[in-house]
Each structure stands twice: as C-alpha cells, then as structure tokens.
Amino acid sequence: MQYLDKMILTDQSPYVTSDGDWTHGRLQGRQDKDMLLEFVQQIFHDPDRFRMEEMPRMLPNYYPECEYPEEMLDQGAFDFSWIPQSDGKGSMFDSMFDFREVVARGMRADCDPLAYVATWFDSGYQDYRPVLPNITVPVLYFAPYPGTEYDYASNSYYKEHLGGPVDFVELRPGTHMAIYEHLEETILHIREFMEREYE
C-alpha cells in the first residue's frame, strides 16, 4: 500500500556511519562506528555541551578543505546571517516567520536527553541503502555542494539508487542549511515539483 505520492529530501546519507567500503558517513565521512559511540556517550553525559560542539560542524569554516566564498567562511558558530531574511516582496513565507530566527531556535532547542541518545544511536546504525530502490514515488532532492554535514557523494547516491523519478537539484555553494541559503530557488523548485504531473 502506498501512502505517499511524492517526497522532498535534502542533504542526507543513506548510511550516516562510514563502515568498510562505505566512506560517506556524517562529518564529510569522518563518523565511523567508534565516533558514533563516542557521540552517544557525550550526549548521555552532557547533551548541552554536545550540541554546542556539534553546531560548528554544520558551518563551512569547519571544513577548510571545501571551497566556499569568503563571506561564508567568515561566519561564526552562532551567526545565522547567511540565511536570507524576508525581502517583503510577497514571498509565500513572508507572513509566516523569519527563517533566520526559526533556524536559530531549532538548532538551540531543548531536547529530552534520552530521546536524543536513542535517535542518534538508531540513526547511526541504520543502513537504508537496500531500501532506496523500493521508493518509487517521484522525489525532489536538494543536494548542497560541497556540503558540510555530508559529502556530495552521499547525496548523489540517492539520485543513482532511488527507484522512481528524481529531480536532483544542486545548491551551490551550500552547507547543511542550503535550502535556506538558496531560499527563493528552493521555493521555486518545490512549487514546480508539486504542480508537475507524473505518470
């Protein structure tokens, strides 16, 4: 039984822990099983400190080997100024909220420590690669380049292995927050995707 007609995905790895020949885990492939267990222990003992240490890893200045514009590299861990604000020109989101503040609140939000531990541990051990060919509904996929949380190859894997039509959109330059960094382009693609008819 099919419950979805379409899906929109962005910046993820089907297996977020590098393991053997698979080198596309979190942190540009740096997260292996040992690092995953270390993270889980840190979350359990001091979740607030872990979140503080995690936030910079989403920003371009954490990855000097990736080519980002200087204005992005200059951003600090708590500086969300690269995210576009409402331009007051009638964007579909103008009347709802300011994206910059929403992202800031979301990244600083409180979370139940045990739920945080369980989610992190479970997501790190699940390998969804065998599942992707079974997803046959149309997918709109936003792929940041060069990315921060995940490398570009982990995003490309979806394009090559999903079982249905894939509209693969590269957002360049892009971090883990690329859909906000390229907000107007993202909105345009979502509108077109939702209006498009698939056989």
C-alpha atoms as a PDB file:
ATOM      1  CA  MET A   1       0.000   0.000   0.000  1.00  0.00           C
ATOM      2  CA  GLN A   2       1.340   3.408  -0.983  1.00  0.00           C
ATOM      3  CA  TYR A   3       0.816   6.285   1.443  1.00  0.00           C
ATOM      4  CA  LEU A   4       2.840   8.983  -0.328  1.00  0.00           C
ATOM      5  CA  ASP A   5       2.532  10.476  -3.795  1.00  0.00           C
ATOM      6  CA  LYS A   6       5.792  12.460  -3.697  1.00  0.00           C
ATOM      7  CA  MET A   7       8.764  13.085  -1.423  1.00  0.00           C
ATOM      8  CA  ILE A   8      11.130  16.010  -0.837  1.00  0.00           C
ATOM      9  CA  LEU A   9      14.538  15.193   0.629  1.00  0.00           C
ATOM     10  CA  THR A  10      17.680  17.153   1.353  1.00  0.00           C
ATOM     11  CA  ASP A  11      21.272  16.578   2.453  1.00  0.00           C
ATOM     12  CA  GLN A  12      21.424  13.138   3.971  1.00  0.00           C
ATOM     13  CA  SER A  13      23.385   9.936   3.732  1.00  0.00           C
ATOM     14  CA  PRO A  14      21.536   6.614   3.430  1.00  0.00           C
ATOM     15  CA  TYR A  15      24.011   5.274   5.986  1.00  0.00           C
ATOM     16  CA  VAL A  16      25.350   8.022   8.239  1.00  0.00           C
ATOM     17  CA  THR A  17      28.245   5.964   9.618  1.00  0.00           C
ATOM     18  CA  SER A  18      31.297   5.185   7.499  1.00  0.00           C
ATOM     19  CA  ASP A  19      31.775   1.435   7.563  1.00  0.00           C
ATOM     20  CA  GLY A  20      34.175  -0.669   5.491  1.00  0.00           C
ATOM     21  CA  ASP A  21      33.999   0.400   1.841  1.00  0.00           C
ATOM     22  CA  TRP A  22      31.267   2.930   2.660  1.00  0.00           C
ATOM     23  CA  THR A  23      33.016   6.236   3.330  1.00  0.00           C
ATOM     24  CA  HIS A  24      30.062   8.638   3.265  1.00  0.00           C
ATOM     25  CA  GLY A  25      29.081   8.958   6.906  1.00  0.00           C
ATOM     26  CA  ARG A  26      28.441  12.196   8.786  1.00  0.00           C
ATOM     27  CA  LEU A  27      31.022  14.950   9.032  1.00  0.00           C
ATOM     28  CA  GLN A  28      32.227  14.513   5.448  1.00  0.00           C
ATOM     29  CA  GLY A  29      32.771  10.796   6.106  1.00  0.00           C
ATOM     30  CA  ARG A  30      34.613  11.211   9.403  1.00  0.00           C
ATOM     31  CA  GLN A  31      31.968   9.482  11.533  1.00  0.00           C
ATOM     32  CA  ASP A  32      32.729   5.771  11.875  1.00  0.00           C
ATOM     33  CA  LYS A  33      31.294   3.381  14.469  1.00  0.00           C
ATOM     34  CA  ASP A  34      33.829   4.382  17.125  1.00  0.00           C
ATOM     35  CA  MET A  35      32.979   8.050  16.691  1.00  0.00           C
ATOM     36  CA  LEU A  36      29.267   7.251  16.760  1.00  0.00           C
ATOM     37  CA  LEU A  37      29.597   5.506  20.133  1.00  0.00           C
ATOM     38  CA  GLU A  38      31.705   8.373  21.440  1.00  0.00           C
ATOM     39  CA  PHE A  39      28.986  10.832  20.391  1.00  0.00           C
ATOM     40  CA  VAL A  40      26.291   8.745  22.078  1.00  0.00           C
ATOM     41  CA  GLN A  41      28.270   8.747  25.335  1.00  0.00           C
ATOM     42  CA  GLN A  42      28.751  12.502  25.131  1.00  0.00           C
ATOM     43  CA  ILE A  43      25.049  13.067  24.538  1.00  0.00           C
ATOM     44  CA  PHE A  44      24.136  10.880  27.502  1.00  0.00           C
ATOM     45  CA  HIS A  45      26.519  12.613  29.921  1.00  0.00           C
ATOM     46  CA  ASP A  46      26.285  16.222  28.731  1.00  0.00           C
ATOM     47  CA  PRO A  47      23.782  16.852  25.896  1.00  0.00           C
ATOM     48  CA  ASP A  48      24.100  20.645  26.118  1.00  0.00           C
ATOM     49  CA  ARG A  49      27.850  20.560  25.642  1.00  0.00           C
ATOM     50  CA  PHE A  50      27.469  18.118  22.766  1.00  0.00           C
ATOM     51  CA  ARG A  51      25.031  20.417  20.961  1.00  0.00           C
ATOM     52  CA  MET A  52      27.411  23.330  21.442  1.00  0.00           C
ATOM     53  CA  GLU A  53      30.229  21.300  19.889  1.00  0.00           C
ATOM     54  CA  GLU A  54      28.033  19.968  17.087  1.00  0.00           C
ATOM     55  CA  MET A  55      26.773  23.294  15.789  1.00  0.00           C
ATOM     56  CA  PRO A  56      30.078  24.473  14.281  1.00  0.00           C
ATOM     57  CA  ARG A  57      30.314  21.236  12.285  1.00  0.00           C
ATOM     58  CA  MET A  58      27.393  22.404  10.149  1.00  0.00           C
ATOM     59  CA  LEU A  59      29.228  25.543   9.092  1.00  0.00           C
ATOM     60  CA  PRO A  60      31.673  25.922   6.214  1.00  0.00           C
ATOM     61  CA  ASN A  61      34.536  27.214   8.346  1.00  0.00           C
ATOM     62  CA  TYR A  62      34.750  23.763   9.975  1.00  0.00           C
ATOM     63  CA  TYR A  63      35.877  22.338   6.608  1.00  0.00           C
ATOM     64  CA  PRO A  64      38.752  24.455   5.264  1.00  0.00           C
ATOM     65  CA  GLU A  65      39.354  21.863   2.516  1.00  0.00           C
ATOM     66  CA  CYS A  66      35.985  22.716   0.929  1.00  0.00           C
ATOM     67  CA  GLU A  67      35.794  25.718  -1.358  1.00  0.00           C
ATOM     68  CA  TYR A  68      33.320  28.271  -0.005  1.00  0.00           C
ATOM     69  CA  PRO A  69      33.049  32.004  -0.633  1.00  0.00           C
ATOM     70  CA  GLU A  70      34.883  34.097   1.928  1.00  0.00           C
ATOM     71  CA  GLU A  71      31.660  35.598   3.266  1.00  0.00           C
ATOM     72  CA  MET A  72      30.503  32.103   4.247  1.00  0.00           C
ATOM     73  CA  LEU A  73      33.835  31.084   5.735  1.00  0.00           C
ATOM     74  CA  ASP A  74      33.757  34.137   7.991  1.00  0.00           C
ATOM     75  CA  GLN A  75      30.560  33.043   9.749  1.00  0.00           C
ATOM     76  CA  GLY A  76      30.798  32.093  13.419  1.00  0.00           C
ATOM     77  CA  ALA A  77      29.111  29.145  15.085  1.00  0.00           C
ATOM     78  CA  PHE A  78      26.134  31.185  16.284  1.00  0.00           C
ATOM     79  CA  ASP A  79      25.917  33.579  13.357  1.00  0.00           C
ATOM     80  CA  PHE A  80      22.955  32.784  11.124  1.00  0.00           C
ATOM     81  CA  SER A  81      23.309  35.847   8.921  1.00  0.00           C
ATOM     82  CA  TRP A  82      23.914  33.821   5.747  1.00  0.00           C
ATOM     83  CA  ILE A  83      20.266  32.723   5.863  1.00  0.00           C
ATOM     84  CA  PRO A  84      18.088  35.048   3.752  1.00  0.00           C
ATOM     85  CA  GLN A  85      15.542  37.148   5.555  1.00  0.00           C
ATOM     86  CA  SER A  86      12.173  38.131   4.194  1.00  0.00           C
ATOM     87  CA  ASP A  87      12.529  40.658   1.406  1.00  0.00           C
ATOM     88  CA  GLY A  88       8.987  41.974   1.851  1.00  0.00           C
ATOM     89  CA  LYS A  89       8.075  41.225  -1.758  1.00  0.00           C
ATOM     90  CA  GLY A  90       5.264  38.799  -1.129  1.00  0.00           C
ATOM     91  CA  SER A  91       7.203  35.564  -0.784  1.00  0.00           C
ATOM     92  CA  MET A  92       4.954  32.697   0.299  1.00  0.00           C
ATOM     93  CA  PHE A  93       6.756  32.603   3.654  1.00  0.00           C
ATOM     94  CA  ASP A  94       6.782  36.330   4.416  1.00  0.00           C
ATOM     95  CA  SER A  95       3.712  36.308   6.608  1.00  0.00           C
ATOM     96  CA  MET A  96       4.682  33.146   8.465  1.00  0.00           C
ATOM     97  CA  PHE A  97       8.078  33.708  10.035  1.00  0.00           C
ATOM     98  CA  ASP A  98      11.617  34.896   9.648  1.00  0.00           C
ATOM     99  CA  PHE A  99      13.682  31.902   8.544  1.00  0.00           C
ATOM    100  CA  ARG A 100      16.794  33.154  10.278  1.00  0.00           C
ATOM    101  CA  GLU A 101      15.121  33.125  13.680  1.00  0.00           C
ATOM    102  CA  VAL A 102      13.404  29.792  13.061  1.00  0.00           C
ATOM    103  CA  VAL A 103      16.679  28.091  12.206  1.00  0.00           C
ATOM    104  CA  ALA A 104      18.417  29.634  15.199  1.00  0.00           C
ATOM    105  CA  ARG A 105      15.655  28.441  17.551  1.00  0.00           C
ATOM    106  CA  GLY A 106      15.651  24.960  16.039  1.00  0.00           C
ATOM    107  CA  MET A 107      19.383  24.485  16.400  1.00  0.00           C
ATOM    108  CA  ARG A 108      19.309  25.697  20.002  1.00  0.00           C
ATOM    109  CA  ALA A 109      16.142  23.891  21.035  1.00  0.00           C
ATOM    110  CA  ASP A 110      15.901  21.758  24.142  1.00  0.00           C
ATOM    111  CA  CYS A 111      15.570  18.024  23.606  1.00  0.00           C
ATOM    112  CA  ASP A 112      14.951  15.167  26.028  1.00  0.00           C
ATOM    113  CA  PRO A 113      18.417  13.644  26.634  1.00  0.00           C
ATOM    114  CA  LEU A 114      17.272  10.018  26.413  1.00  0.00           C
ATOM    115  CA  ALA A 115      15.333  10.698  23.222  1.00  0.00           C
ATOM    116  CA  TYR A 116      18.403  12.439  21.823  1.00  0.00           C
ATOM    117  CA  VAL A 117      20.632   9.440  22.693  1.00  0.00           C
ATOM    118  CA  ALA A 118      18.179   6.943  21.197  1.00  0.00           C
ATOM    119  CA  THR A 119      17.714   8.916  17.993  1.00  0.00           C
ATOM    120  CA  TRP A 120      21.429   9.430  17.465  1.00  0.00           C
ATOM    121  CA  PHE A 121      22.279   5.783  18.154  1.00  0.00           C
ATOM    122  CA  ASP A 122      19.468   4.395  15.979  1.00  0.00           C
ATOM    123  CA  SER A 123      20.130   6.706  13.043  1.00  0.00           C
ATOM    124  CA  GLY A 124      23.820   5.862  13.140  1.00  0.00           C
ATOM    125  CA  TYR A 125      23.267   2.126  12.878  1.00  0.00           C
ATOM    126  CA  GLN A 126      20.509   2.044  10.273  1.00  0.00           C
ATOM    127  CA  ASP A 127      21.668   1.358   6.721  1.00  0.00           C
ATOM    128  CA  TYR A 128      18.966   2.494   4.320  1.00  0.00           C
ATOM    129  CA  ARG A 129      20.813   1.731   1.095  1.00  0.00           C
ATOM    130  CA  PRO A 130      18.861  -1.501   0.455  1.00  0.00           C
ATOM    131  CA  VAL A 131      15.585   0.409   0.910  1.00  0.00           C
ATOM    132  CA  LEU A 132      16.141   3.133  -1.706  1.00  0.00           C
ATOM    133  CA  PRO A 133      15.199   1.080  -4.819  1.00  0.00           C
ATOM    134  CA  ASN A 134      11.818   0.382  -3.187  1.00  0.00           C
ATOM    135  CA  ILE A 135      10.985   4.088  -3.122  1.00  0.00           C
ATOM    136  CA  THR A 136       9.254   4.539  -6.458  1.00  0.00           C
ATOM    137  CA  VAL A 137       7.346   7.796  -5.939  1.00  0.00           C
ATOM    138  CA  PRO A 138       8.792  10.977  -7.500  1.00  0.00           C
ATOM    139  CA  VAL A 139      11.449  12.613  -5.327  1.00  0.00           C
ATOM    140  CA  LEU A 140      12.702  16.186  -5.288  1.00  0.00           C
ATOM    141  CA  TYR A 141      16.195  16.108  -3.827  1.00  0.00           C
ATOM    142  CA  PHE A 142      18.139  19.207  -2.775  1.00  0.00           C
ATOM    143  CA  ALA A 143      21.867  18.493  -2.750  1.00  0.00           C
ATOM    144  CA  PRO A 144      24.239  21.052  -1.221  1.00  0.00           C
ATOM    145  CA  TYR A 145      27.634  21.391  -2.830  1.00  0.00           C
ATOM    146  CA  PRO A 146      30.172  20.887  -1.400  1.00  0.00           C
ATOM    147  CA  GLY A 147      28.087  20.315   1.757  1.00  0.00           C
ATOM    148  CA  THR A 148      29.173  20.291   5.373  1.00  0.00           C
ATOM    149  CA  GLU A 149      27.365  17.601   7.351  1.00  0.00           C
ATOM    150  CA  TYR A 150      27.555  15.110   4.460  1.00  0.00           C
ATOM    151  CA  ASP A 151      29.730  14.967   1.374  1.00  0.00           C
ATOM    152  CA  TYR A 152      28.291  15.475  -2.088  1.00  0.00           C
ATOM    153  CA  ALA A 153      28.733  11.784  -2.989  1.00  0.00           C
ATOM    154  CA  SER A 154      26.328  10.733  -0.238  1.00  0.00           C
ATOM    155  CA  ASN A 155      23.661  12.969  -1.781  1.00  0.00           C
ATOM    156  CA  SER A 156      24.400  11.720  -5.304  1.00  0.00           C
ATOM    157  CA  TYR A 157      23.812   8.176  -4.090  1.00  0.00           C
ATOM    158  CA  TYR A 158      20.098   8.925  -3.845  1.00  0.00           C
ATOM    159  CA  LYS A 159      19.928  10.113  -7.446  1.00  0.00           C
ATOM    160  CA  GLU A 160      21.532   6.875  -8.613  1.00  0.00           C
ATOM    161  CA  HIS A 161      19.630   4.399  -6.435  1.00  0.00           C
ATOM    162  CA  LEU A 162      16.090   5.650  -5.794  1.00  0.00           C
ATOM    163  CA  GLY A 163      13.531   3.527  -7.616  1.00  0.00           C
ATOM    164  CA  GLY A 164      11.454   6.322  -9.145  1.00  0.00           C
ATOM    165  CA  PRO A 165      11.956   9.632 -10.946  1.00  0.00           C
ATOM    166  CA  VAL A 166      14.351  12.004  -9.175  1.00  0.00           C
ATOM    167  CA  ASP A 167      14.516  15.753  -9.661  1.00  0.00           C
ATOM    168  CA  PHE A 168      18.053  16.348  -8.357  1.00  0.00           C
ATOM    169  CA  VAL A 169      18.805  19.998  -7.572  1.00  0.00           C
ATOM    170  CA  GLU A 170      22.333  21.080  -6.735  1.00  0.00           C
ATOM    171  CA  LEU A 171      22.559  24.099  -4.421  1.00  0.00           C
ATOM    172  CA  ARG A 172      25.969  25.718  -4.851  1.00  0.00           C
ATOM    173  CA  PRO A 173      27.666  26.794  -2.686  1.00  0.00           C
ATOM    174  CA  GLY A 174      25.741  25.041   0.025  1.00  0.00           C
ATOM    175  CA  THR A 175      26.097  23.824   3.596  1.00  0.00           C
ATOM    176  CA  HIS A 176      23.726  21.649   5.606  1.00  0.00           C
ATOM    177  CA  MET A 177      21.467  24.725   5.618  1.00  0.00           C
ATOM    178  CA  ALA A 178      21.462  25.071   1.815  1.00  0.00           C
ATOM    179  CA  ILE A 179      17.694  25.220   1.359  1.00  0.00           C
ATOM    180  CA  TYR A 180      17.713  28.405   3.443  1.00  0.00           C
ATOM    181  CA  GLU A 181      20.862  29.776   1.856  1.00  0.00           C
ATOM    182  CA  HIS A 182      19.129  29.414  -1.533  1.00  0.00           C
ATOM    183  CA  LEU A 183      15.618  30.110  -0.308  1.00  0.00           C
ATOM    184  CA  GLU A 184      13.992  31.582  -3.418  1.00  0.00           C
ATOM    185  CA  GLU A 185      15.405  28.854  -5.669  1.00  0.00           C
ATOM    186  CA  THR A 186      14.205  26.220  -3.200  1.00  0.00           C
ATOM    187  CA  ILE A 187      10.674  27.645  -3.151  1.00  0.00           C
ATOM    188  CA  LEU A 188      10.562  27.745  -6.949  1.00  0.00           C
ATOM    189  CA  HIS A 189      11.623  24.112  -7.291  1.00  0.00           C
ATOM    190  CA  ILE A 190       9.130  22.963  -4.653  1.00  0.00           C
ATOM    191  CA  ARG A 191       6.280  24.762  -6.415  1.00  0.00           C
ATOM    192  CA  GLU A 192       7.188  23.258  -9.787  1.00  0.00           C
ATOM    193  CA  PHE A 193       7.603  19.801  -8.291  1.00  0.00           C
ATOM    194  CA  MET A 194       4.263  19.850  -6.529  1.00  0.00           C
ATOM    195  CA  GLU A 195       2.461  21.078  -9.663  1.00  0.00           C
ATOM    196  CA  ARG A 196       4.096  18.588 -12.022  1.00  0.00           C
ATOM    197  CA  GLU A 197       2.119  15.529 -13.050  1.00  0.00           C
ATOM    198  CA  TYR A 198       3.878  12.162 -13.120  1.00  0.00           C
ATOM    199  CA  GLU A 199       2.578   9.057 -14.860  1.00  0.00           C
END
